Amino acid sequence: MSSRILPLGLALLLGACGYDAIEEHPCPSAGTTLSYENFGRDFLSNWCQRCHGAAGPDRKGAPSNYDFGTLRDSQAWKARIFARSALSNTTMPPGPDDPPEADRRRLAEWLSCGAP
């Protein structure tokens, strides 16, 4: 029983904080026109790769396994990227410069459609 209390408590806490989960935002029924080539690569390069790229000399404390340098990496980490950067999830990237809200909405769509 106690093993279920912690995840439930965490889910309630995150929900109360305005956390958006990828599971709550399904891919639009018509699909998406967004792809790694026309959206994902540039978004990740512009906003994530300084800290979450394999070649980054200064990852600013980002764990080494959180690497979003390829399509495969992006797909593997899509729920985590969504949880930190899509829609109202604005903890990443840290700092004064943030992706525009429209790009965070496109990121949510791209990730919820499987990051094609």
C-alpha atoms as a PDB file:
ATOM      1  CA  MET A   1       0.000   0.000   0.000  1.00  0.00           C
ATOM      2  CA  SER A   2       2.724   2.520   0.885  1.00  0.00           C
ATOM      3  CA  SER A   3       4.392   1.984  -2.522  1.00  0.00           C
ATOM      4  CA  ARG A   4       1.264   3.457  -4.146  1.00  0.00           C
ATOM      5  CA  ILE A   5       0.948   6.409  -1.788  1.00  0.00           C
ATOM      6  CA  LEU A   6       4.160   8.138  -2.881  1.00  0.00           C
ATOM      7  CA  PRO A   7       3.359   8.164  -6.635  1.00  0.00           C
ATOM      8  CA  LEU A   8      -0.201   9.280  -5.918  1.00  0.00           C
ATOM      9  CA  GLY A   9       1.009  12.046  -3.618  1.00  0.00           C
ATOM     10  CA  LEU A  10       3.564  13.175  -6.175  1.00  0.00           C
ATOM     11  CA  ALA A  11       0.943  13.222  -8.925  1.00  0.00           C
ATOM     12  CA  LEU A  12      -1.397  15.299  -6.754  1.00  0.00           C
ATOM     13  CA  LEU A  13       1.381  17.711  -5.833  1.00  0.00           C
ATOM     14  CA  LEU A  14       2.476  18.170  -9.430  1.00  0.00           C
ATOM     15  CA  GLY A  15      -1.122  18.613 -10.537  1.00  0.00           C
ATOM     16  CA  ALA A  16      -1.625  21.305  -7.932  1.00  0.00           C
ATOM     17  CA  CYS A  17       1.450  23.108  -9.232  1.00  0.00           C
ATOM     18  CA  GLY A  18       0.090  23.341 -12.765  1.00  0.00           C
ATOM     19  CA  TYR A  19       2.222  20.482 -14.082  1.00  0.00           C
ATOM     20  CA  ASP A  20       1.265  19.257 -17.555  1.00  0.00           C
ATOM     21  CA  ALA A  21       1.926  15.559 -18.256  1.00  0.00           C
ATOM     22  CA  ILE A  22       2.386  14.150 -21.730  1.00  0.00           C
ATOM     23  CA  GLU A  23      -0.344  11.566 -21.018  1.00  0.00           C
ATOM     24  CA  GLU A  24      -2.856  14.407 -20.594  1.00  0.00           C
ATOM     25  CA  HIS A  25      -2.155  15.784 -24.062  1.00  0.00           C
ATOM     26  CA  PRO A  26      -2.757  13.172 -26.736  1.00  0.00           C
ATOM     27  CA  CYS A  27      -1.638  13.688 -30.293  1.00  0.00           C
ATOM     28  CA  PRO A  28      -4.310  15.573 -32.274  1.00  0.00           C
ATOM     29  CA  SER A  29      -6.681  13.209 -34.094  1.00  0.00           C
ATOM     30  CA  ALA A  30      -5.435  14.559 -37.419  1.00  0.00           C
ATOM     31  CA  GLY A  31      -1.847  13.905 -36.389  1.00  0.00           C
ATOM     32  CA  THR A  32       0.884  16.495 -36.678  1.00  0.00           C
ATOM     33  CA  THR A  33       2.874  18.124 -39.440  1.00  0.00           C
ATOM     34  CA  LEU A  34       5.731  18.696 -36.987  1.00  0.00           C
ATOM     35  CA  SER A  35       8.784  16.501 -37.357  1.00  0.00           C
ATOM     36  CA  TYR A  36      12.312  16.329 -36.055  1.00  0.00           C
ATOM     37  CA  GLU A  37      13.494  17.861 -39.320  1.00  0.00           C
ATOM     38  CA  ASN A  38      11.085  20.816 -39.405  1.00  0.00           C
ATOM     39  CA  PHE A  39      10.756  21.528 -35.671  1.00  0.00           C
ATOM     40  CA  GLY A  40      12.355  19.227 -33.091  1.00  0.00           C
ATOM     41  CA  ARG A  41      15.997  19.497 -34.140  1.00  0.00           C
ATOM     42  CA  ASP A  42      15.957  23.306 -34.130  1.00  0.00           C
ATOM     43  CA  PHE A  43      14.013  23.563 -30.872  1.00  0.00           C
ATOM     44  CA  LEU A  44      16.379  21.186 -29.088  1.00  0.00           C
ATOM     45  CA  SER A  45      19.427  22.817 -30.630  1.00  0.00           C
ATOM     46  CA  ASN A  46      18.331  26.325 -29.681  1.00  0.00           C
ATOM     47  CA  TRP A  47      17.006  25.615 -26.196  1.00  0.00           C
ATOM     48  CA  CYS A  48      18.433  22.325 -24.881  1.00  0.00           C
ATOM     49  CA  GLN A  49      21.748  21.339 -26.431  1.00  0.00           C
ATOM     50  CA  ARG A  50      23.936  23.756 -24.456  1.00  0.00           C
ATOM     51  CA  CYS A  51      23.416  21.526 -21.423  1.00  0.00           C
ATOM     52  CA  HIS A  52      21.831  18.366 -22.838  1.00  0.00           C
ATOM     53  CA  GLY A  53      24.107  17.734 -25.807  1.00  0.00           C
ATOM     54  CA  ALA A  54      26.848  15.154 -25.903  1.00  0.00           C
ATOM     55  CA  ALA A  55      29.339  17.649 -27.339  1.00  0.00           C
ATOM     56  CA  GLY A  56      28.523  20.375 -24.804  1.00  0.00           C
ATOM     57  CA  PRO A  57      31.719  21.286 -22.936  1.00  0.00           C
ATOM     58  CA  ASP A  58      29.809  22.759 -19.984  1.00  0.00           C
ATOM     59  CA  ARG A  59      26.610  20.866 -19.220  1.00  0.00           C
ATOM     60  CA  LYS A  60      25.908  23.174 -16.246  1.00  0.00           C
ATOM     61  CA  GLY A  61      25.206  20.195 -14.013  1.00  0.00           C
ATOM     62  CA  ALA A  62      22.861  18.371 -16.405  1.00  0.00           C
ATOM     63  CA  PRO A  63      23.148  14.614 -15.834  1.00  0.00           C
ATOM     64  CA  SER A  64      25.261  12.992 -18.544  1.00  0.00           C
ATOM     65  CA  ASN A  65      22.513  10.512 -19.445  1.00  0.00           C
ATOM     66  CA  TYR A  66      20.088  13.357 -20.262  1.00  0.00           C
ATOM     67  CA  ASP A  67      21.306  13.805 -23.817  1.00  0.00           C
ATOM     68  CA  PHE A  68      18.860  15.069 -26.439  1.00  0.00           C
ATOM     69  CA  GLY A  69      21.294  15.230 -29.352  1.00  0.00           C
ATOM     70  CA  THR A  70      19.540  12.882 -31.785  1.00  0.00           C
ATOM     71  CA  LEU A  71      16.021  11.965 -32.830  1.00  0.00           C
ATOM     72  CA  ARG A  72      16.355   8.645 -30.997  1.00  0.00           C
ATOM     73  CA  ASP A  73      17.484  10.440 -27.816  1.00  0.00           C
ATOM     74  CA  SER A  74      14.564  12.874 -28.096  1.00  0.00           C
ATOM     75  CA  GLN A  75      12.086  10.040 -28.475  1.00  0.00           C
ATOM     76  CA  ALA A  76      13.561   8.164 -25.509  1.00  0.00           C
ATOM     77  CA  TRP A  77      13.288  11.249 -23.284  1.00  0.00           C
ATOM     78  CA  LYS A  78      10.051  12.717 -24.709  1.00  0.00           C
ATOM     79  CA  ALA A  79       8.049  12.450 -21.465  1.00  0.00           C
ATOM     80  CA  ARG A  80      10.868  14.093 -19.486  1.00  0.00           C
ATOM     81  CA  ILE A  81      11.320  16.870 -22.055  1.00  0.00           C
ATOM     82  CA  PHE A  82       7.555  17.442 -22.021  1.00  0.00           C
ATOM     83  CA  ALA A  83       7.471  17.543 -18.206  1.00  0.00           C
ATOM     84  CA  ARG A  84      10.162  20.212 -18.065  1.00  0.00           C
ATOM     85  CA  SER A  85       9.603  22.328 -21.189  1.00  0.00           C
ATOM     86  CA  ALA A  86       6.204  21.933 -22.878  1.00  0.00           C
ATOM     87  CA  LEU A  87       3.067  24.020 -22.317  1.00  0.00           C
ATOM     88  CA  SER A  88       3.039  25.351 -18.733  1.00  0.00           C
ATOM     89  CA  ASN A  89       6.114  23.300 -17.786  1.00  0.00           C
ATOM     90  CA  THR A  90       8.710  26.052 -17.802  1.00  0.00           C
ATOM     91  CA  THR A  91      11.508  24.818 -15.555  1.00  0.00           C
ATOM     92  CA  MET A  92      13.748  24.279 -18.576  1.00  0.00           C
ATOM     93  CA  PRO A  93      15.645  25.950 -19.915  1.00  0.00           C
ATOM     94  CA  PRO A  94      16.632  27.817 -16.757  1.00  0.00           C
ATOM     95  CA  GLY A  95      17.389  31.479 -16.934  1.00  0.00           C
ATOM     96  CA  PRO A  96      15.886  34.666 -18.176  1.00  0.00           C
ATOM     97  CA  ASP A  97      15.503  33.641 -21.831  1.00  0.00           C
ATOM     98  CA  ASP A  98      12.671  31.205 -22.492  1.00  0.00           C
ATOM     99  CA  PRO A  99      11.216  29.646 -25.606  1.00  0.00           C
ATOM    100  CA  PRO A 100       8.158  31.520 -26.856  1.00  0.00           C
ATOM    101  CA  GLU A 101       4.821  30.154 -25.645  1.00  0.00           C
ATOM    102  CA  ALA A 102       3.887  29.174 -29.210  1.00  0.00           C
ATOM    103  CA  ASP A 103       7.044  27.044 -29.434  1.00  0.00           C
ATOM    104  CA  ARG A 104       6.233  25.364 -26.118  1.00  0.00           C
ATOM    105  CA  ARG A 105       2.785  24.480 -27.532  1.00  0.00           C
ATOM    106  CA  ARG A 106       4.385  23.087 -30.710  1.00  0.00           C
ATOM    107  CA  LEU A 107       6.843  21.129 -28.548  1.00  0.00           C
ATOM    108  CA  ALA A 108       3.897  19.579 -26.684  1.00  0.00           C
ATOM    109  CA  GLU A 109       2.245  18.551 -29.956  1.00  0.00           C
ATOM    110  CA  TRP A 110       5.454  17.148 -31.439  1.00  0.00           C
ATOM    111  CA  LEU A 111       6.287  15.139 -28.310  1.00  0.00           C
ATOM    112  CA  SER A 112       2.738  13.869 -27.713  1.00  0.00           C
ATOM    113  CA  CYS A 113       2.680  12.588 -31.305  1.00  0.00           C
ATOM    114  CA  GLY A 114       5.775  10.515 -30.599  1.00  0.00           C
ATOM    115  CA  ALA A 115       8.428  13.054 -31.692  1.00  0.00           C
ATOM    116  CA  PRO A 116       8.365  11.924 -35.333  1.00  0.00           C
END
